[in-house]
C-alpha cells in the first residue's frame, strides 16, 4: 500500500518520482475578485477591456494561478508533519493564459534531494512544478526548493 502523503518525510521523496494531482475550475468571478484585490490590470478585472486586449478576453493573474497551484501542492504533495517552508523558487514562467472555465491540475517532479550538512534534522527537496490546464498545456512552471523534516536526524 502506498504511503500517505501526510506521513512523508525527507527520506520518502525520491529523485525522479512524478506526482500529478488536484483539480480546480477557474471562474470569471474569482479571476476578477483576485485581480481587483492584488493585480488590478484591465485584462484581469474588466471583461470588456479584456476583449480588446492582446489576450482577447479575461485572463487570470499569474499570481492567482500560482496561488491555485500552491493550494494543490499543500493539499496533495507537502506533508504537514514534515514541511518546513521554502527558501524560494527559480525559473518562474507563465506560459499560457488561464481563462474562465479552465480546469487546472499540478504535476511535480522531484529533481534532487539533499540532506542539510549543518542541520541534519532536515533536507532540501528541489522540484519542478507545472500547472496544467484541461488540454494538458503547461500554463505555469517553476523550480522550487522545500525544506523538509527528516524522519531520523542521523544521516543514513
N, C-alpha and C. Protein backbone atom coordinates (compact mmCIF):
# COMPACT_ATOMS: atom_id res chain seq x y z
N UNK A 1 0.85 -1.18 0.00
CA UNK A 1 0.00 0.00 0.00
C UNK A 1 0.89 1.25 0.00
N UNK A 2 0.62 2.22 -0.88
CA UNK A 2 1.47 3.41 -0.94
C UNK A 2 1.36 4.23 0.35
N UNK A 3 2.45 4.90 0.66
CA UNK A 3 2.49 5.75 1.84
C UNK A 3 1.58 6.95 1.65
N UNK A 4 0.90 7.34 2.69
CA UNK A 4 0.06 8.53 2.66
C UNK A 4 0.93 9.76 2.48
N UNK A 5 0.45 10.70 1.72
CA UNK A 5 1.16 11.97 1.52
C UNK A 5 1.42 12.64 2.87
N UNK A 6 0.51 12.51 3.79
CA UNK A 6 0.63 13.20 5.09
C UNK A 6 1.70 12.58 5.99
N UNK A 7 2.12 11.34 5.69
CA UNK A 7 3.11 10.64 6.51
C UNK A 7 4.52 10.71 5.94
N UNK A 8 4.73 11.48 4.89
CA UNK A 8 6.03 11.51 4.24
C UNK A 8 7.00 12.43 4.95
N UNK A 9 8.25 11.98 4.97
CA UNK A 9 9.37 12.76 5.48
C UNK A 9 10.41 12.86 4.37
N UNK A 10 11.47 13.60 4.62
CA UNK A 10 12.52 13.82 3.62
C UNK A 10 12.95 12.52 2.95
N UNK A 11 13.16 11.49 3.74
CA UNK A 11 13.67 10.22 3.22
C UNK A 11 12.71 9.57 2.23
N UNK A 12 11.44 9.96 2.24
CA UNK A 12 10.42 9.33 1.40
C UNK A 12 10.28 9.96 0.02
N UNK A 13 10.93 11.09 -0.21
CA UNK A 13 10.88 11.75 -1.52
C UNK A 13 12.09 11.28 -2.32
N UNK A 14 11.85 10.73 -3.49
CA UNK A 14 12.93 10.13 -4.29
C UNK A 14 13.11 10.87 -5.60
N UNK A 15 14.35 11.21 -5.94
CA UNK A 15 14.60 11.85 -7.23
C UNK A 15 14.02 11.01 -8.37
N UNK A 16 13.37 11.68 -9.29
CA UNK A 16 12.78 11.01 -10.44
C UNK A 16 11.30 10.73 -10.30
N UNK A 17 10.78 10.74 -9.08
CA UNK A 17 9.35 10.46 -8.92
C UNK A 17 8.54 11.66 -9.41
N UNK A 18 7.37 11.36 -10.00
CA UNK A 18 6.48 12.38 -10.54
C UNK A 18 5.10 12.15 -9.95
N UNK A 19 4.48 13.25 -9.51
CA UNK A 19 3.14 13.20 -8.93
C UNK A 19 2.24 14.15 -9.72
N UNK A 20 1.02 13.71 -10.05
CA UNK A 20 0.02 14.58 -10.65
C UNK A 20 -1.20 14.56 -9.75
N UNK A 21 -1.79 15.75 -9.55
CA UNK A 21 -2.89 15.81 -8.60
C UNK A 21 -3.69 17.09 -8.78
N UNK A 22 -4.85 17.08 -8.11
CA UNK A 22 -5.68 18.26 -7.99
C UNK A 22 -6.57 18.53 -9.18
N UNK A 23 -7.54 19.38 -8.94
CA UNK A 23 -8.44 19.84 -9.98
C UNK A 23 -9.13 21.09 -9.47
N UNK A 24 -9.01 22.16 -10.22
CA UNK A 24 -9.67 23.42 -9.85
C UNK A 24 -10.15 24.09 -11.13
N UNK A 25 -11.45 24.29 -11.24
CA UNK A 25 -12.01 25.00 -12.39
C UNK A 25 -12.12 26.48 -12.02
N UNK A 26 -11.52 27.31 -12.85
CA UNK A 26 -11.41 28.75 -12.61
C UNK A 26 -12.67 29.45 -13.13
N UNK A 27 -13.23 30.33 -12.31
CA UNK A 27 -14.41 31.10 -12.74
C UNK A 27 -14.02 32.55 -13.03
N UNK A 28 -14.82 33.20 -13.85
CA UNK A 28 -14.61 34.62 -14.14
C UNK A 28 -14.70 35.44 -12.86
N UNK A 29 -15.63 35.06 -11.99
CA UNK A 29 -15.82 35.81 -10.75
C UNK A 29 -14.56 35.78 -9.88
N UNK A 30 -13.94 34.61 -9.75
CA UNK A 30 -12.74 34.55 -8.91
C UNK A 30 -11.56 35.26 -9.55
N UNK A 31 -11.48 35.22 -10.89
CA UNK A 31 -10.42 35.96 -11.59
C UNK A 31 -10.54 37.45 -11.27
N UNK A 32 -11.75 37.99 -11.40
CA UNK A 32 -11.97 39.42 -11.17
C UNK A 32 -11.75 39.76 -9.70
N UNK A 33 -12.28 38.95 -8.81
CA UNK A 33 -12.14 39.22 -7.37
C UNK A 33 -10.67 39.24 -6.95
N UNK A 34 -9.89 38.23 -7.38
CA UNK A 34 -8.47 38.19 -7.04
C UNK A 34 -7.77 39.42 -7.62
N UNK A 35 -8.02 39.70 -8.89
CA UNK A 35 -7.32 40.80 -9.55
C UNK A 35 -7.68 42.16 -8.96
N UNK A 36 -8.94 42.36 -8.61
CA UNK A 36 -9.30 43.65 -8.01
C UNK A 36 -8.52 43.88 -6.72
N UNK A 37 -8.24 42.81 -6.03
CA UNK A 37 -7.52 42.93 -4.77
C UNK A 37 -6.00 42.99 -4.94
N UNK A 38 -5.44 42.19 -5.87
CA UNK A 38 -3.99 42.02 -5.93
C UNK A 38 -3.31 42.39 -7.25
N UNK A 39 -4.01 42.42 -8.35
CA UNK A 39 -3.38 42.66 -9.66
C UNK A 39 -4.38 43.34 -10.58
N UNK A 40 -4.77 44.60 -10.26
CA UNK A 40 -5.89 45.25 -10.95
C UNK A 40 -5.58 45.79 -12.34
N UNK A 41 -5.13 44.91 -13.20
CA UNK A 41 -4.93 45.29 -14.59
C UNK A 41 -6.23 44.98 -15.35
N UNK A 42 -6.59 45.81 -16.35
CA UNK A 42 -7.90 45.67 -17.01
C UNK A 42 -8.16 44.30 -17.63
N UNK A 43 -7.15 43.61 -18.11
CA UNK A 43 -7.38 42.30 -18.72
C UNK A 43 -7.66 41.22 -17.68
N UNK A 44 -7.51 41.58 -16.38
CA UNK A 44 -7.87 40.69 -15.27
C UNK A 44 -9.18 41.10 -14.61
N UNK A 45 -9.56 42.37 -14.73
CA UNK A 45 -10.69 42.88 -13.94
C UNK A 45 -11.91 43.29 -14.75
N UNK A 46 -11.74 43.52 -16.04
CA UNK A 46 -12.82 44.08 -16.85
C UNK A 46 -13.01 43.27 -18.13
N UNK A 47 -14.06 42.45 -18.21
CA UNK A 47 -14.25 41.62 -19.42
C UNK A 47 -14.31 42.40 -20.71
N UNK A 48 -14.90 43.59 -20.69
CA UNK A 48 -14.99 44.39 -21.92
C UNK A 48 -13.61 44.90 -22.34
N UNK A 49 -12.85 45.42 -21.38
CA UNK A 49 -11.49 45.88 -21.70
C UNK A 49 -10.62 44.69 -22.12
N UNK A 50 -10.81 43.55 -21.45
CA UNK A 50 -10.01 42.36 -21.76
C UNK A 50 -10.28 41.88 -23.19
N UNK A 51 -11.52 42.02 -23.64
CA UNK A 51 -11.87 41.58 -25.00
C UNK A 51 -11.07 42.35 -26.05
N UNK A 52 -10.76 43.61 -25.77
CA UNK A 52 -9.97 44.42 -26.70
C UNK A 52 -8.48 44.36 -26.46
N UNK A 53 -8.05 43.54 -25.53
CA UNK A 53 -6.62 43.44 -25.20
C UNK A 53 -5.92 42.42 -26.08
N UNK A 54 -4.65 42.33 -25.91
CA UNK A 54 -3.82 41.34 -26.61
C UNK A 54 -4.31 39.92 -26.36
N UNK A 55 -5.00 39.68 -25.22
CA UNK A 55 -5.46 38.35 -24.84
C UNK A 55 -6.83 38.00 -25.39
N UNK A 56 -7.56 38.99 -25.88
CA UNK A 56 -8.86 38.73 -26.50
C UNK A 56 -9.93 38.28 -25.52
N UNK A 57 -9.70 38.47 -24.24
CA UNK A 57 -10.67 38.08 -23.23
C UNK A 57 -10.04 38.07 -21.85
N UNK A 58 -10.88 37.90 -20.87
CA UNK A 58 -10.46 37.89 -19.47
C UNK A 58 -9.46 36.76 -19.21
N UNK A 59 -8.38 37.08 -18.48
CA UNK A 59 -7.41 36.06 -18.08
C UNK A 59 -7.08 36.23 -16.60
N UNK A 60 -6.69 35.15 -15.97
CA UNK A 60 -6.30 35.18 -14.56
C UNK A 60 -4.92 35.80 -14.41
N UNK A 61 -4.73 36.48 -13.31
CA UNK A 61 -3.40 36.95 -12.94
C UNK A 61 -2.50 35.73 -12.77
N UNK A 62 -1.26 35.84 -13.19
CA UNK A 62 -0.31 34.76 -12.96
C UNK A 62 -0.16 34.45 -11.48
N UNK A 63 -0.28 35.49 -10.65
CA UNK A 63 -0.17 35.29 -9.20
C UNK A 63 -1.34 34.46 -8.69
N UNK A 64 -2.51 34.61 -9.31
CA UNK A 64 -3.65 33.78 -8.93
C UNK A 64 -3.38 32.32 -9.32
N UNK A 65 -2.85 32.13 -10.51
CA UNK A 65 -2.50 30.78 -10.95
C UNK A 65 -1.51 30.16 -9.96
N UNK A 66 -0.53 30.95 -9.54
CA UNK A 66 0.44 30.46 -8.56
C UNK A 66 -0.21 30.10 -7.23
N UNK A 67 -1.19 30.91 -6.81
CA UNK A 67 -1.89 30.62 -5.55
C UNK A 67 -2.72 29.34 -5.66
N UNK A 68 -3.36 29.13 -6.81
CA UNK A 68 -4.13 27.90 -7.02
C UNK A 68 -3.19 26.69 -7.01
N UNK A 69 -2.05 26.83 -7.70
CA UNK A 69 -1.08 25.74 -7.73
C UNK A 69 -0.55 25.45 -6.33
N UNK A 70 -0.25 26.51 -5.57
CA UNK A 70 0.26 26.32 -4.21
C UNK A 70 -0.75 25.59 -3.35
N UNK A 71 -2.02 25.93 -3.48
CA UNK A 71 -3.04 25.25 -2.68
C UNK A 71 -3.05 23.75 -2.98
N UNK A 72 -2.95 23.40 -4.25
CA UNK A 72 -2.94 21.98 -4.60
C UNK A 72 -1.67 21.29 -4.11
N UNK A 73 -0.54 21.98 -4.16
CA UNK A 73 0.72 21.40 -3.64
C UNK A 73 0.59 21.13 -2.15
N UNK A 74 0.00 22.07 -1.42
CA UNK A 74 -0.19 21.87 0.03
C UNK A 74 -1.17 20.73 0.29
N UNK A 75 -2.26 20.69 -0.46
CA UNK A 75 -3.29 19.67 -0.24
C UNK A 75 -2.86 18.26 -0.62
N UNK A 76 -1.99 18.13 -1.65
CA UNK A 76 -1.71 16.80 -2.20
C UNK A 76 -0.25 16.35 -2.17
N UNK A 77 0.70 17.25 -1.95
CA UNK A 77 2.10 16.86 -2.07
C UNK A 77 2.89 17.06 -0.77
N UNK A 78 2.81 18.24 -0.18
CA UNK A 78 3.58 18.50 1.03
C UNK A 78 2.94 17.79 2.22
N UNK A 79 3.78 17.29 3.09
CA UNK A 79 3.29 16.58 4.27
C UNK A 79 3.27 17.53 5.46
N UNK A 80 2.12 17.67 6.12
CA UNK A 80 2.04 18.59 7.26
C UNK A 80 3.05 18.28 8.37
N UNK A 81 3.37 17.02 8.57
CA UNK A 81 4.30 16.63 9.64
C UNK A 81 5.74 17.02 9.34
N UNK A 82 6.08 17.19 8.05
CA UNK A 82 7.49 17.40 7.72
C UNK A 82 7.79 18.67 6.94
N UNK A 83 6.80 19.31 6.38
CA UNK A 83 7.05 20.52 5.58
C UNK A 83 7.49 21.66 6.48
N UNK A 84 8.58 22.31 6.08
CA UNK A 84 9.15 23.40 6.87
C UNK A 84 9.25 24.69 6.07
N UNK A 85 8.48 24.81 5.00
CA UNK A 85 8.53 26.03 4.20
C UNK A 85 9.50 25.92 3.04
N UNK A 86 9.77 27.07 2.43
CA UNK A 86 10.61 27.09 1.24
C UNK A 86 11.54 28.30 1.27
N UNK A 87 12.82 28.08 0.89
CA UNK A 87 13.72 29.23 0.77
C UNK A 87 13.56 29.97 -0.55
N UNK A 88 12.70 29.44 -1.46
CA UNK A 88 12.46 30.18 -2.70
C UNK A 88 12.23 29.30 -3.90
N UNK A 89 12.02 29.98 -5.02
CA UNK A 89 11.84 29.27 -6.28
C UNK A 89 12.56 30.01 -7.38
N UNK A 90 12.81 29.29 -8.45
CA UNK A 90 13.53 29.83 -9.61
C UNK A 90 12.74 29.50 -10.88
N UNK A 91 13.12 30.17 -11.95
CA UNK A 91 12.60 29.86 -13.28
C UNK A 91 11.08 29.89 -13.35
N UNK A 92 10.47 30.86 -12.68
CA UNK A 92 9.02 31.02 -12.74
C UNK A 92 8.62 31.49 -14.12
N UNK A 93 7.68 30.77 -14.73
CA UNK A 93 7.20 31.12 -16.07
C UNK A 93 5.69 30.97 -16.12
N UNK A 94 5.03 31.97 -16.71
CA UNK A 94 3.61 31.86 -17.06
C UNK A 94 3.59 31.67 -18.56
N UNK A 95 3.29 30.47 -19.00
CA UNK A 95 3.48 30.11 -20.41
C UNK A 95 2.21 30.20 -21.26
N UNK A 96 1.05 30.18 -20.63
CA UNK A 96 -0.23 30.32 -21.34
C UNK A 96 -1.21 31.03 -20.43
N UNK A 97 -2.10 31.82 -21.00
CA UNK A 97 -3.11 32.46 -20.15
C UNK A 97 -4.11 31.44 -19.60
N UNK A 98 -4.58 31.71 -18.39
CA UNK A 98 -5.63 30.92 -17.76
C UNK A 98 -6.92 31.71 -17.91
N UNK A 99 -7.93 31.05 -18.47
CA UNK A 99 -9.20 31.72 -18.78
C UNK A 99 -10.34 31.14 -17.96
N UNK A 100 -11.43 31.89 -17.85
CA UNK A 100 -12.60 31.34 -17.16
C UNK A 100 -13.00 30.00 -17.77
N UNK A 101 -13.29 29.03 -16.92
CA UNK A 101 -13.66 27.69 -17.38
C UNK A 101 -12.51 26.71 -17.47
N UNK A 102 -11.28 27.21 -17.45
CA UNK A 102 -10.13 26.29 -17.46
C UNK A 102 -10.11 25.48 -16.17
N UNK A 103 -9.75 24.21 -16.30
CA UNK A 103 -9.59 23.33 -15.14
C UNK A 103 -8.10 23.01 -14.99
N UNK A 104 -7.55 23.38 -13.85
CA UNK A 104 -6.12 23.26 -13.61
C UNK A 104 -5.81 22.07 -12.71
N UNK A 105 -4.63 21.50 -12.92
CA UNK A 105 -4.08 20.46 -12.05
C UNK A 105 -2.57 20.68 -11.99
N UNK A 106 -1.89 19.92 -11.14
CA UNK A 106 -0.46 20.14 -10.92
C UNK A 106 0.32 18.85 -11.15
N UNK A 107 1.51 19.02 -11.70
CA UNK A 107 2.48 17.92 -11.83
C UNK A 107 3.76 18.38 -11.13
N UNK A 108 4.26 17.55 -10.22
CA UNK A 108 5.50 17.84 -9.50
C UNK A 108 6.47 16.69 -9.73
N UNK A 109 7.67 17.02 -10.18
CA UNK A 109 8.73 16.03 -10.36
C UNK A 109 9.85 16.36 -9.37
N UNK A 110 10.26 15.35 -8.60
CA UNK A 110 11.36 15.54 -7.66
C UNK A 110 12.67 15.45 -8.46
N UNK A 111 13.41 16.54 -8.48
CA UNK A 111 14.66 16.61 -9.24
C UNK A 111 15.83 16.13 -8.39
N UNK A 112 15.88 16.62 -7.15
CA UNK A 112 17.04 16.32 -6.29
C UNK A 112 16.61 16.38 -4.83
N UNK A 113 17.23 15.56 -4.01
CA UNK A 113 17.07 15.63 -2.56
C UNK A 113 18.46 15.75 -1.96
N UNK A 114 18.58 16.65 -0.99
CA UNK A 114 19.90 16.87 -0.38
C UNK A 114 19.72 17.11 1.12
N UNK A 115 20.33 16.27 1.91
CA UNK A 115 20.25 16.43 3.37
C UNK A 115 21.16 17.59 3.78
N UNK A 116 20.68 18.41 4.70
CA UNK A 116 21.46 19.54 5.20
C UNK A 116 22.68 19.03 5.96
N UNK A 117 23.84 19.59 5.65
CA UNK A 117 25.07 19.23 6.38
C UNK A 117 25.09 19.89 7.76
N UNK A 118 24.58 21.11 7.84
CA UNK A 118 24.66 21.86 9.10
C UNK A 118 23.48 21.56 10.03
N UNK A 119 22.36 21.12 9.47
CA UNK A 119 21.17 20.82 10.28
C UNK A 119 20.62 19.46 9.83
N UNK A 120 21.17 18.37 10.38
CA UNK A 120 20.83 17.02 9.88
C UNK A 120 19.40 16.57 10.17
N UNK A 121 18.61 17.41 10.83
CA UNK A 121 17.21 17.05 11.06
C UNK A 121 16.33 17.43 9.87
N UNK A 122 16.94 17.99 8.80
CA UNK A 122 16.16 18.43 7.64
C UNK A 122 16.93 18.23 6.35
N UNK A 123 16.15 18.26 5.27
CA UNK A 123 16.74 18.17 3.95
C UNK A 123 16.07 19.16 3.02
N UNK A 124 16.62 19.28 1.83
CA UNK A 124 16.09 20.19 0.82
C UNK A 124 15.64 19.37 -0.37
N UNK A 125 14.40 19.59 -0.78
CA UNK A 125 13.87 18.98 -1.99
C UNK A 125 13.90 20.02 -3.09
N UNK A 126 14.42 19.66 -4.24
CA UNK A 126 14.33 20.52 -5.42
C UNK A 126 13.33 19.85 -6.35
N UNK A 127 12.27 20.58 -6.71
CA UNK A 127 11.22 20.01 -7.54
C UNK A 127 10.91 20.92 -8.71
N UNK A 128 10.47 20.30 -9.80
CA UNK A 128 9.92 21.02 -10.95
C UNK A 128 8.41 20.97 -10.80
N UNK A 129 7.77 22.13 -10.74
CA UNK A 129 6.32 22.21 -10.60
C UNK A 129 5.73 22.74 -11.90
N UNK A 130 4.66 22.10 -12.34
CA UNK A 130 3.94 22.57 -13.52
C UNK A 130 2.45 22.60 -13.22
N UNK A 131 1.81 23.66 -13.63
CA UNK A 131 0.36 23.76 -13.56
C UNK A 131 -0.14 23.57 -14.99
N UNK A 132 -1.05 22.61 -15.15
CA UNK A 132 -1.56 22.27 -16.49
C UNK A 132 -3.05 22.55 -16.56
N UNK A 133 -3.51 22.86 -17.78
CA UNK A 133 -4.94 23.05 -17.99
C UNK A 133 -5.58 21.75 -18.49
N UNK A 134 -6.84 21.80 -18.78
CA UNK A 134 -7.60 20.62 -19.20
C UNK A 134 -7.12 20.04 -20.53
N UNK A 135 -6.34 20.80 -21.29
CA UNK A 135 -5.78 20.31 -22.56
C UNK A 135 -4.35 19.81 -22.42
N UNK A 136 -3.92 19.59 -21.18
CA UNK A 136 -2.55 19.15 -20.87
C UNK A 136 -1.50 20.17 -21.29
N UNK A 137 -1.88 21.44 -21.39
CA UNK A 137 -0.93 22.50 -21.71
C UNK A 137 -0.41 23.09 -20.40
N UNK A 138 0.91 23.28 -20.33
CA UNK A 138 1.50 23.90 -19.15
C UNK A 138 1.16 25.39 -19.19
N UNK A 139 0.55 25.88 -18.11
CA UNK A 139 0.20 27.30 -18.02
C UNK A 139 1.16 28.05 -17.09
N UNK A 140 1.84 27.31 -16.21
CA UNK A 140 2.80 27.91 -15.30
C UNK A 140 3.80 26.84 -14.89
N UNK A 141 5.05 27.24 -14.72
CA UNK A 141 6.07 26.30 -14.24
C UNK A 141 7.08 27.04 -13.38
N UNK A 142 7.72 26.28 -12.51
CA UNK A 142 8.80 26.82 -11.68
C UNK A 142 9.61 25.67 -11.11
N UNK A 143 10.80 26.01 -10.70
CA UNK A 143 11.60 25.09 -9.89
C UNK A 143 11.53 25.63 -8.47
N UNK A 144 11.27 24.75 -7.53
CA UNK A 144 11.05 25.19 -6.16
C UNK A 144 11.88 24.35 -5.20
N UNK A 145 12.31 24.98 -4.13
CA UNK A 145 13.01 24.27 -3.06
C UNK A 145 12.07 24.20 -1.86
N UNK A 146 12.06 23.06 -1.21
CA UNK A 146 11.28 22.89 0.01
C UNK A 146 12.17 22.34 1.11
N UNK A 147 12.03 22.91 2.29
CA UNK A 147 12.71 22.36 3.46
C UNK A 147 11.79 21.28 4.03
N UNK A 148 12.37 20.15 4.35
CA UNK A 148 11.57 19.00 4.77
C UNK A 148 12.24 18.31 5.97
N UNK A 149 11.48 18.10 7.01
CA UNK A 149 11.98 17.44 8.23
C UNK A 149 12.32 15.98 7.91
N UNK A 150 13.44 15.53 8.44
CA UNK A 150 13.84 14.12 8.28
C UNK A 150 13.15 13.27 9.36
N UNK A 151 12.89 12.05 9.02
CA UNK A 151 12.33 11.09 9.99
C UNK A 151 13.35 10.83 11.09
N UNK A 152 14.61 10.68 10.66
CA UNK A 152 15.71 10.43 11.60
C UNK A 152 16.74 11.55 11.43
N UNK A 153 17.20 12.10 12.55
CA UNK A 153 18.18 13.17 12.50
C UNK A 153 19.56 12.66 12.08
N UNK A 154 19.78 11.35 12.18
CA UNK A 154 21.05 10.76 11.80
C UNK A 154 21.05 10.43 10.31
N UNK A 155 22.03 10.91 9.56
CA UNK A 155 22.11 10.57 8.13
C UNK A 155 22.24 9.06 7.96
N UNK A 156 21.69 8.60 6.81
CA UNK A 156 21.86 7.18 6.53
C UNK A 156 20.60 6.58 6.17
